[in-house]
Amino acid sequence: MRCMFCGCEDSKVIDSRSADEGRTIRRRRECISCGKRFTTYETIEETPVLVVKASGIRQAYDAQKVKNGIVKSCEKRPVSMTKIDELVDSITKQVYNSMEQEVSSKKIGEMVMDGLKKLDEVAYVRYASVYRSFTDISSFMSELQKMMDNKK
């Protein structure tokens, strides 16, 4: 690691600590040449995952977009932000752990619906009504009937 003060490439690690919930390592270093100290951060290099939309457009996976959709479906429901964050983290881990460089928006939508079904049934129905683009009451009732059958 190059010293920011003198440019020397030799330094020794004085202290290492975990940061950012274990995703980053903070290292305190001392330059061998000038003796000054500086801090570096080491993180895992993440390869971007692209989301393939129904139209064929590709864009980078954005956990904030997933969270916004979940928050919208959970409005005025007894679902804490902690639970929403846990669901978003779980979905994000599934996306990155799949080891695929591209994932369909449909697959992400299904992950969200699976999580919401366990979290809050009303939020699930709200999300499903937008995600599945219910065009009439019969398609909406069909989805509700599936839920009722699965509960039995």
N, C-alpha and C. Protein backbone atom coordinates (compact mmCIF):
# COMPACT_ATOMS: atom_id res chain seq x y z
N MET A 1 0.85 -1.17 0.00
CA MET A 1 0.00 0.00 0.00
C MET A 1 0.90 1.24 0.00
N ARG A 2 0.70 2.13 -0.93
CA ARG A 2 1.52 3.33 -1.09
C ARG A 2 1.16 4.38 -0.03
N CYS A 3 2.18 4.92 0.63
CA CYS A 3 1.99 5.96 1.65
C CYS A 3 1.47 7.23 0.98
N MET A 4 0.45 7.82 1.55
CA MET A 4 -0.13 9.04 0.97
C MET A 4 0.72 10.28 1.24
N PHE A 5 1.70 10.16 2.13
CA PHE A 5 2.54 11.30 2.49
C PHE A 5 3.84 11.34 1.68
N CYS A 6 4.54 10.19 1.60
CA CYS A 6 5.84 10.19 0.92
C CYS A 6 5.86 9.32 -0.34
N GLY A 7 4.82 8.50 -0.55
CA GLY A 7 4.76 7.67 -1.75
C GLY A 7 5.47 6.34 -1.64
N CYS A 8 6.06 6.06 -0.51
CA CYS A 8 6.75 4.79 -0.29
C CYS A 8 5.74 3.64 -0.36
N GLU A 9 6.16 2.51 -0.94
CA GLU A 9 5.24 1.38 -1.07
C GLU A 9 5.31 0.40 0.09
N ASP A 10 6.16 0.64 1.05
CA ASP A 10 6.28 -0.25 2.19
C ASP A 10 5.60 0.35 3.41
N SER A 11 4.69 -0.44 4.00
CA SER A 11 4.03 -0.03 5.24
C SER A 11 3.73 -1.27 6.04
N LYS A 12 3.52 -1.06 7.33
CA LYS A 12 3.16 -2.20 8.17
C LYS A 12 1.79 -1.93 8.79
N VAL A 13 1.06 -3.01 9.00
CA VAL A 13 -0.28 -2.90 9.58
C VAL A 13 -0.14 -2.83 11.09
N ILE A 14 -0.71 -1.76 11.68
CA ILE A 14 -0.67 -1.55 13.12
C ILE A 14 -1.90 -2.19 13.78
N ASP A 15 -3.06 -2.01 13.12
CA ASP A 15 -4.33 -2.47 13.70
C ASP A 15 -5.29 -2.83 12.58
N SER A 16 -6.07 -3.89 12.75
CA SER A 16 -7.11 -4.30 11.80
C SER A 16 -8.41 -4.48 12.55
N ARG A 17 -9.48 -3.94 11.98
CA ARG A 17 -10.81 -4.09 12.59
C ARG A 17 -11.83 -4.31 11.51
N SER A 18 -12.86 -5.03 11.89
CA SER A 18 -13.99 -5.23 10.99
C SER A 18 -14.86 -3.97 11.01
N ALA A 19 -15.37 -3.59 9.87
CA ALA A 19 -16.25 -2.42 9.78
C ALA A 19 -17.39 -2.74 8.83
N ASP A 20 -18.40 -1.90 8.82
CA ASP A 20 -19.55 -2.04 7.92
C ASP A 20 -20.17 -3.42 8.02
N GLU A 21 -20.46 -3.84 9.25
CA GLU A 21 -21.09 -5.12 9.54
C GLU A 21 -20.33 -6.30 8.96
N GLY A 22 -19.00 -6.23 8.98
CA GLY A 22 -18.19 -7.33 8.52
C GLY A 22 -17.90 -7.35 7.03
N ARG A 23 -18.40 -6.37 6.29
CA ARG A 23 -18.17 -6.35 4.85
C ARG A 23 -16.89 -5.60 4.47
N THR A 24 -16.29 -4.92 5.44
CA THR A 24 -15.10 -4.13 5.20
C THR A 24 -14.10 -4.36 6.33
N ILE A 25 -12.82 -4.30 5.99
CA ILE A 25 -11.77 -4.37 7.00
C ILE A 25 -11.06 -3.02 7.02
N ARG A 26 -11.00 -2.42 8.19
CA ARG A 26 -10.33 -1.14 8.38
C ARG A 26 -8.92 -1.44 8.90
N ARG A 27 -7.91 -0.95 8.19
CA ARG A 27 -6.53 -1.21 8.60
C ARG A 27 -5.82 0.11 8.89
N ARG A 28 -5.18 0.17 10.04
CA ARG A 28 -4.34 1.32 10.41
C ARG A 28 -2.93 0.92 10.04
N ARG A 29 -2.26 1.73 9.23
CA ARG A 29 -0.92 1.41 8.72
C ARG A 29 0.09 2.47 9.12
N GLU A 30 1.36 2.05 9.16
CA GLU A 30 2.46 2.97 9.42
C GLU A 30 3.48 2.81 8.30
N CYS A 31 3.87 3.95 7.70
CA CYS A 31 4.85 3.95 6.62
C CYS A 31 6.23 3.58 7.18
N ILE A 32 6.91 2.69 6.50
CA ILE A 32 8.25 2.27 6.92
C ILE A 32 9.25 3.41 6.71
N SER A 33 9.05 4.22 5.68
CA SER A 33 9.98 5.28 5.33
C SER A 33 9.85 6.52 6.21
N CYS A 34 8.64 7.12 6.23
CA CYS A 34 8.47 8.40 6.95
C CYS A 34 7.87 8.24 8.35
N GLY A 35 7.31 7.07 8.67
CA GLY A 35 6.77 6.82 10.01
C GLY A 35 5.37 7.37 10.24
N LYS A 36 4.78 8.03 9.23
CA LYS A 36 3.42 8.56 9.41
C LYS A 36 2.41 7.43 9.28
N ARG A 37 1.26 7.67 9.91
CA ARG A 37 0.20 6.66 9.92
C ARG A 37 -0.96 7.09 9.03
N PHE A 38 -1.62 6.08 8.46
CA PHE A 38 -2.80 6.33 7.62
C PHE A 38 -3.72 5.13 7.69
N THR A 39 -4.95 5.33 7.25
CA THR A 39 -5.97 4.29 7.33
C THR A 39 -6.36 3.85 5.93
N THR A 40 -6.53 2.53 5.75
CA THR A 40 -7.02 1.99 4.49
C THR A 40 -8.23 1.11 4.79
N TYR A 41 -9.05 0.90 3.77
CA TYR A 41 -10.22 0.05 3.89
C TYR A 41 -10.17 -1.01 2.80
N GLU A 42 -10.43 -2.24 3.18
CA GLU A 42 -10.42 -3.35 2.24
C GLU A 42 -11.84 -3.89 2.14
N THR A 43 -12.38 -3.97 0.92
CA THR A 43 -13.73 -4.48 0.71
C THR A 43 -13.72 -5.56 -0.36
N ILE A 44 -14.74 -6.35 -0.38
CA ILE A 44 -14.89 -7.38 -1.40
C ILE A 44 -15.32 -6.69 -2.69
N GLU A 45 -14.68 -7.06 -3.77
CA GLU A 45 -15.05 -6.51 -5.06
C GLU A 45 -16.28 -7.26 -5.56
N GLU A 46 -17.36 -6.53 -5.73
CA GLU A 46 -18.60 -7.14 -6.18
C GLU A 46 -18.78 -6.90 -7.67
N THR A 47 -19.03 -7.99 -8.38
CA THR A 47 -19.32 -7.82 -9.79
C THR A 47 -20.78 -7.42 -9.91
N PRO A 48 -21.08 -6.45 -10.74
CA PRO A 48 -22.46 -6.00 -10.83
C PRO A 48 -23.37 -7.07 -11.42
N VAL A 49 -24.56 -7.17 -10.88
CA VAL A 49 -25.57 -8.07 -11.40
C VAL A 49 -26.55 -7.23 -12.19
N LEU A 50 -26.83 -7.65 -13.40
CA LEU A 50 -27.78 -6.92 -14.24
C LEU A 50 -29.16 -7.55 -14.14
N VAL A 51 -30.16 -6.69 -14.07
CA VAL A 51 -31.55 -7.12 -14.05
C VAL A 51 -32.09 -7.01 -15.47
N VAL A 52 -32.64 -8.11 -15.97
CA VAL A 52 -33.21 -8.13 -17.30
C VAL A 52 -34.71 -7.95 -17.17
N LYS A 53 -35.20 -6.82 -17.67
CA LYS A 53 -36.62 -6.52 -17.57
C LYS A 53 -37.39 -7.24 -18.67
N ALA A 54 -38.71 -7.26 -18.57
CA ALA A 54 -39.55 -7.94 -19.55
C ALA A 54 -39.34 -7.39 -20.95
N SER A 55 -39.03 -6.10 -21.05
CA SER A 55 -38.81 -5.46 -22.35
C SER A 55 -37.44 -5.80 -22.94
N GLY A 56 -36.58 -6.48 -22.16
CA GLY A 56 -35.25 -6.83 -22.62
C GLY A 56 -34.18 -5.85 -22.18
N ILE A 57 -34.60 -4.73 -21.60
CA ILE A 57 -33.65 -3.73 -21.12
C ILE A 57 -32.90 -4.29 -19.92
N ARG A 58 -31.61 -4.00 -19.85
CA ARG A 58 -30.79 -4.45 -18.74
C ARG A 58 -30.33 -3.24 -17.93
N GLN A 59 -30.40 -3.37 -16.61
CA GLN A 59 -29.89 -2.33 -15.74
C GLN A 59 -29.33 -2.97 -14.48
N ALA A 60 -28.45 -2.24 -13.80
CA ALA A 60 -27.80 -2.76 -12.60
C ALA A 60 -28.84 -3.02 -11.51
N TYR A 61 -28.62 -4.11 -10.76
CA TYR A 61 -29.49 -4.43 -9.63
C TYR A 61 -29.39 -3.31 -8.61
N ASP A 62 -30.54 -2.86 -8.13
CA ASP A 62 -30.59 -1.77 -7.16
C ASP A 62 -31.48 -2.19 -6.00
N ALA A 63 -30.87 -2.48 -4.86
CA ALA A 63 -31.63 -2.93 -3.69
C ALA A 63 -32.60 -1.86 -3.23
N GLN A 64 -32.28 -0.59 -3.47
CA GLN A 64 -33.17 0.50 -3.06
C GLN A 64 -34.49 0.45 -3.82
N LYS A 65 -34.46 0.05 -5.09
CA LYS A 65 -35.70 -0.09 -5.87
C LYS A 65 -36.58 -1.20 -5.29
N VAL A 66 -35.94 -2.29 -4.91
CA VAL A 66 -36.67 -3.40 -4.29
C VAL A 66 -37.29 -2.93 -2.99
N LYS A 67 -36.51 -2.21 -2.19
CA LYS A 67 -37.00 -1.71 -0.91
C LYS A 67 -38.17 -0.75 -1.11
N ASN A 68 -38.08 0.14 -2.08
CA ASN A 68 -39.16 1.09 -2.33
C ASN A 68 -40.47 0.39 -2.65
N GLY A 69 -40.41 -0.67 -3.46
CA GLY A 69 -41.61 -1.43 -3.79
C GLY A 69 -42.20 -2.12 -2.57
N ILE A 70 -41.35 -2.66 -1.72
CA ILE A 70 -41.82 -3.34 -0.51
C ILE A 70 -42.42 -2.33 0.45
N VAL A 71 -41.76 -1.19 0.63
CA VAL A 71 -42.27 -0.15 1.54
C VAL A 71 -43.64 0.31 1.07
N LYS A 72 -43.80 0.51 -0.22
CA LYS A 72 -45.08 0.96 -0.78
C LYS A 72 -46.19 -0.05 -0.48
N SER A 73 -45.88 -1.33 -0.64
CA SER A 73 -46.90 -2.36 -0.39
C SER A 73 -47.20 -2.53 1.10
N CYS A 74 -46.28 -2.11 1.96
CA CYS A 74 -46.47 -2.26 3.41
C CYS A 74 -47.01 -1.00 4.07
N GLU A 75 -47.34 0.02 3.27
CA GLU A 75 -47.87 1.25 3.87
C GLU A 75 -49.11 0.97 4.71
N LYS A 76 -49.15 1.59 5.86
CA LYS A 76 -50.27 1.47 6.81
C LYS A 76 -50.50 0.03 7.27
N ARG A 77 -49.43 -0.74 7.28
CA ARG A 77 -49.48 -2.11 7.77
C ARG A 77 -48.52 -2.23 8.96
N PRO A 78 -48.76 -3.16 9.85
CA PRO A 78 -47.89 -3.30 11.04
C PRO A 78 -46.60 -4.05 10.73
N VAL A 79 -45.84 -3.54 9.76
CA VAL A 79 -44.58 -4.16 9.37
C VAL A 79 -43.46 -3.16 9.67
N SER A 80 -42.52 -3.56 10.50
CA SER A 80 -41.44 -2.65 10.89
C SER A 80 -40.41 -2.50 9.78
N MET A 81 -39.69 -1.38 9.81
CA MET A 81 -38.62 -1.16 8.84
C MET A 81 -37.52 -2.20 9.01
N THR A 82 -37.35 -2.70 10.22
CA THR A 82 -36.36 -3.74 10.45
C THR A 82 -36.70 -4.99 9.64
N LYS A 83 -37.97 -5.38 9.66
CA LYS A 83 -38.41 -6.55 8.90
C LYS A 83 -38.27 -6.32 7.40
N ILE A 84 -38.57 -5.10 6.96
CA ILE A 84 -38.43 -4.77 5.53
C ILE A 84 -36.96 -4.84 5.13
N ASP A 85 -36.08 -4.26 5.96
CA ASP A 85 -34.65 -4.30 5.68
C ASP A 85 -34.12 -5.73 5.64
N GLU A 86 -34.61 -6.57 6.55
CA GLU A 86 -34.20 -7.97 6.56
C GLU A 86 -34.62 -8.67 5.28
N LEU A 87 -35.83 -8.38 4.80
CA LEU A 87 -36.32 -8.98 3.56
C LEU A 87 -35.48 -8.51 2.38
N VAL A 88 -35.20 -7.22 2.32
CA VAL A 88 -34.37 -6.68 1.22
C VAL A 88 -32.98 -7.31 1.25
N ASP A 89 -32.39 -7.42 2.44
CA ASP A 89 -31.07 -8.05 2.58
C ASP A 89 -31.10 -9.50 2.11
N SER A 90 -32.15 -10.21 2.47
CA SER A 90 -32.29 -11.60 2.07
C SER A 90 -32.38 -11.73 0.55
N ILE A 91 -33.18 -10.88 -0.07
CA ILE A 91 -33.32 -10.91 -1.53
C ILE A 91 -32.00 -10.55 -2.20
N THR A 92 -31.32 -9.54 -1.68
CA THR A 92 -30.04 -9.12 -2.24
C THR A 92 -29.02 -10.25 -2.15
N LYS A 93 -28.99 -10.93 -1.01
CA LYS A 93 -28.07 -12.07 -0.85
C LYS A 93 -28.39 -13.17 -1.86
N GLN A 94 -29.69 -13.45 -2.05
CA GLN A 94 -30.08 -14.48 -3.02
C GLN A 94 -29.64 -14.10 -4.42
N VAL A 95 -29.80 -12.83 -4.77
CA VAL A 95 -29.41 -12.36 -6.11
C VAL A 95 -27.91 -12.53 -6.31
N TYR A 96 -27.10 -12.08 -5.35
CA TYR A 96 -25.65 -12.16 -5.49
C TYR A 96 -25.13 -13.58 -5.31
N ASN A 97 -25.77 -14.38 -4.46
CA ASN A 97 -25.31 -15.75 -4.25
C ASN A 97 -25.68 -16.70 -5.39
N SER A 98 -26.55 -16.24 -6.27
CA SER A 98 -26.93 -17.08 -7.41
C SER A 98 -25.76 -17.26 -8.37
N MET A 99 -24.73 -16.38 -8.24
CA MET A 99 -23.53 -16.43 -9.07
C MET A 99 -23.84 -16.18 -10.55
N GLU A 100 -24.99 -15.63 -10.84
CA GLU A 100 -25.35 -15.28 -12.21
C GLU A 100 -25.08 -13.80 -12.41
N GLN A 101 -24.65 -13.43 -13.61
CA GLN A 101 -24.40 -12.03 -13.90
C GLN A 101 -25.67 -11.30 -14.31
N GLU A 102 -26.68 -12.07 -14.70
CA GLU A 102 -27.97 -11.48 -15.07
C GLU A 102 -29.09 -12.25 -14.38
N VAL A 103 -30.07 -11.51 -13.91
CA VAL A 103 -31.24 -12.12 -13.27
C VAL A 103 -32.47 -11.40 -13.80
N SER A 104 -33.53 -12.14 -14.02
CA SER A 104 -34.74 -11.53 -14.58
C SER A 104 -35.50 -10.77 -13.49
N SER A 105 -36.16 -9.71 -13.91
CA SER A 105 -36.97 -8.93 -12.97
C SER A 105 -38.11 -9.80 -12.44
N LYS A 106 -38.54 -10.75 -13.24
CA LYS A 106 -39.61 -11.67 -12.82
C LYS A 106 -39.15 -12.50 -11.63
N LYS A 107 -37.90 -12.97 -11.68
CA LYS A 107 -37.36 -13.78 -10.57
C LYS A 107 -37.27 -12.96 -9.29
N ILE A 108 -36.85 -11.71 -9.42
CA ILE A 108 -36.76 -10.83 -8.25
C ILE A 108 -38.16 -10.57 -7.70
N GLY A 109 -39.11 -10.33 -8.59
CA GLY A 109 -40.50 -10.12 -8.16
C GLY A 109 -41.05 -11.31 -7.40
N GLU A 110 -40.71 -12.52 -7.86
CA GLU A 110 -41.17 -13.73 -7.17
C GLU A 110 -40.54 -13.84 -5.78
N MET A 111 -39.25 -13.45 -5.68
CA MET A 111 -38.58 -13.46 -4.37
C MET A 111 -39.27 -12.50 -3.41
N VAL A 112 -39.62 -11.32 -3.91
CA VAL A 112 -40.31 -10.31 -3.09
C VAL A 112 -41.65 -10.86 -2.64
N MET A 113 -42.40 -11.46 -3.57
CA MET A 113 -43.72 -11.97 -3.22
C MET A 113 -43.63 -13.10 -2.20
N ASP A 114 -42.65 -13.98 -2.35
CA ASP A 114 -42.46 -15.06 -1.37
C ASP A 114 -42.20 -14.49 0.02
N GLY A 115 -41.34 -13.46 0.07
CA GLY A 115 -41.03 -12.84 1.35
C GLY A 115 -42.21 -12.12 1.96
N LEU A 116 -42.95 -11.39 1.12
CA LEU A 116 -44.12 -10.65 1.62
C LEU A 116 -45.23 -11.58 2.07
N LYS A 117 -45.35 -12.72 1.42
CA LYS A 117 -46.40 -13.68 1.81
C LYS A 117 -46.19 -14.13 3.25
N LYS A 118 -44.91 -14.29 3.64
CA LYS A 118 -44.59 -14.70 5.01
C LYS A 118 -44.68 -13.53 5.98
N LEU A 119 -44.44 -12.33 5.48
CA LEU A 119 -44.37 -11.14 6.32
C LEU A 119 -45.76 -10.56 6.62
N ASP A 120 -46.56 -10.35 5.57
CA ASP A 120 -47.87 -9.72 5.73
C ASP A 120 -48.71 -10.02 4.49
N GLU A 121 -49.82 -10.69 4.67
CA GLU A 121 -50.63 -11.12 3.53
C GLU A 121 -51.24 -9.95 2.76
N VAL A 122 -51.62 -8.89 3.46
CA VAL A 122 -52.21 -7.73 2.78
C VAL A 122 -51.14 -7.05 1.91
N ALA A 123 -49.94 -6.91 2.45
CA ALA A 123 -48.83 -6.34 1.68
C ALA A 123 -48.53 -7.22 0.46
N TYR A 124 -48.62 -8.53 0.65
CA TYR A 124 -48.41 -9.46 -0.46
C TYR A 124 -49.43 -9.22 -1.57
N VAL A 125 -50.70 -9.11 -1.21
CA VAL A 125 -51.75 -8.89 -2.20
C VAL A 125 -51.57 -7.55 -2.91
N ARG A 126 -51.18 -6.53 -2.16
CA ARG A 126 -50.92 -5.22 -2.77
C ARG A 126 -49.80 -5.32 -3.81
N TYR A 127 -48.71 -5.96 -3.40
CA TYR A 127 -47.57 -6.09 -4.32
C TYR A 127 -47.96 -6.93 -5.54
N ALA A 128 -48.66 -8.04 -5.28
CA ALA A 128 -49.06 -8.93 -6.37
C ALA A 128 -50.00 -8.23 -7.35
N SER A 129 -50.85 -7.35 -6.84
CA SER A 129 -51.80 -6.67 -7.74
C SER A 129 -51.08 -5.78 -8.74
N VAL A 130 -49.97 -5.19 -8.34
CA VAL A 130 -49.17 -4.37 -9.26
C VAL A 130 -48.25 -5.26 -10.09
N TYR A 131 -47.57 -6.20 -9.43
CA TYR A 131 -46.60 -7.05 -10.10
C TYR A 131 -47.25 -7.93 -11.16
N ARG A 132 -48.38 -8.49 -10.84
CA ARG A 132 -49.05 -9.39 -11.79
C ARG A 132 -50.03 -8.65 -12.70
N SER A 133 -50.12 -7.36 -12.53
CA SER A 133 -50.97 -6.51 -13.38
C SER A 133 -52.40 -7.05 -13.52
N PHE A 134 -53.06 -7.20 -12.38
CA PHE A 134 -54.45 -7.66 -12.42
C PHE A 134 -55.27 -6.69 -13.25
N THR A 135 -55.96 -7.22 -14.24
CA THR A 135 -56.75 -6.36 -15.12
C THR A 135 -58.22 -6.29 -14.73
N ASP A 136 -58.66 -7.30 -13.99
CA ASP A 136 -60.06 -7.29 -13.57
C ASP A 136 -60.20 -7.99 -12.22
N ILE A 137 -61.38 -7.96 -11.70
CA ILE A 137 -61.64 -8.51 -10.36
C ILE A 137 -61.49 -10.03 -10.33
N SER A 138 -61.76 -10.71 -11.45
CA SER A 138 -61.67 -12.17 -11.46
C SER A 138 -60.23 -12.65 -11.30
N SER A 139 -59.27 -11.96 -11.91
CA SER A 139 -57.88 -12.36 -11.74
C SER A 139 -57.41 -12.08 -10.31
N PHE A 140 -57.91 -11.00 -9.73
CA PHE A 140 -57.60 -10.67 -8.35
C PHE A 140 -58.18 -11.73 -7.41
N MET A 141 -59.43 -12.11 -7.66
CA MET A 141 -60.09 -13.12 -6.83
C MET A 141 -59.40 -14.47 -6.97
N SER A 142 -58.90 -14.76 -8.16
CA SER A 142 -58.19 -16.02 -8.40
C SER A 142 -56.95 -16.10 -7.51
N GLU A 143 -56.22 -15.00 -7.41
CA GLU A 143 -55.03 -14.96 -6.56
C GLU A 143 -55.41 -15.12 -5.09
N LEU A 144 -56.48 -14.46 -4.67
CA LEU A 144 -56.94 -14.59 -3.29
C LEU A 144 -57.36 -16.03 -2.99
N GLN A 145 -58.01 -16.67 -3.97
CA GLN A 145 -58.45 -18.05 -3.78
C GLN A 145 -57.25 -18.98 -3.61
N LYS A 146 -56.18 -18.75 -4.37
CA LYS A 146 -54.95 -19.54 -4.22
C LYS A 146 -54.40 -19.41 -2.81
N MET A 147 -54.43 -18.17 -2.29
CA MET A 147 -53.93 -17.95 -0.93
C MET A 147 -54.78 -18.69 0.09
N MET A 148 -56.09 -18.64 -0.10
CA MET A 148 -57.00 -19.30 0.85
C MET A 148 -56.79 -20.83 0.81
N ASP A 149 -56.60 -21.38 -0.40
CA ASP A 149 -56.38 -22.81 -0.54
C ASP A 149 -55.07 -23.24 0.10
N ASN A 150 -54.04 -22.42 -0.03
CA ASN A 150 -52.73 -22.75 0.56
C ASN A 150 -52.76 -22.70 2.07
N LYS A 151 -53.65 -21.89 2.65
CA LYS A 151 -53.75 -21.78 4.12
C LYS A 151 -54.36 -23.03 4.73
N LYS A 152 -55.17 -23.73 3.95
CA LYS A 152 -55.89 -24.89 4.50
C LYS A 152 -55.03 -26.09 4.60
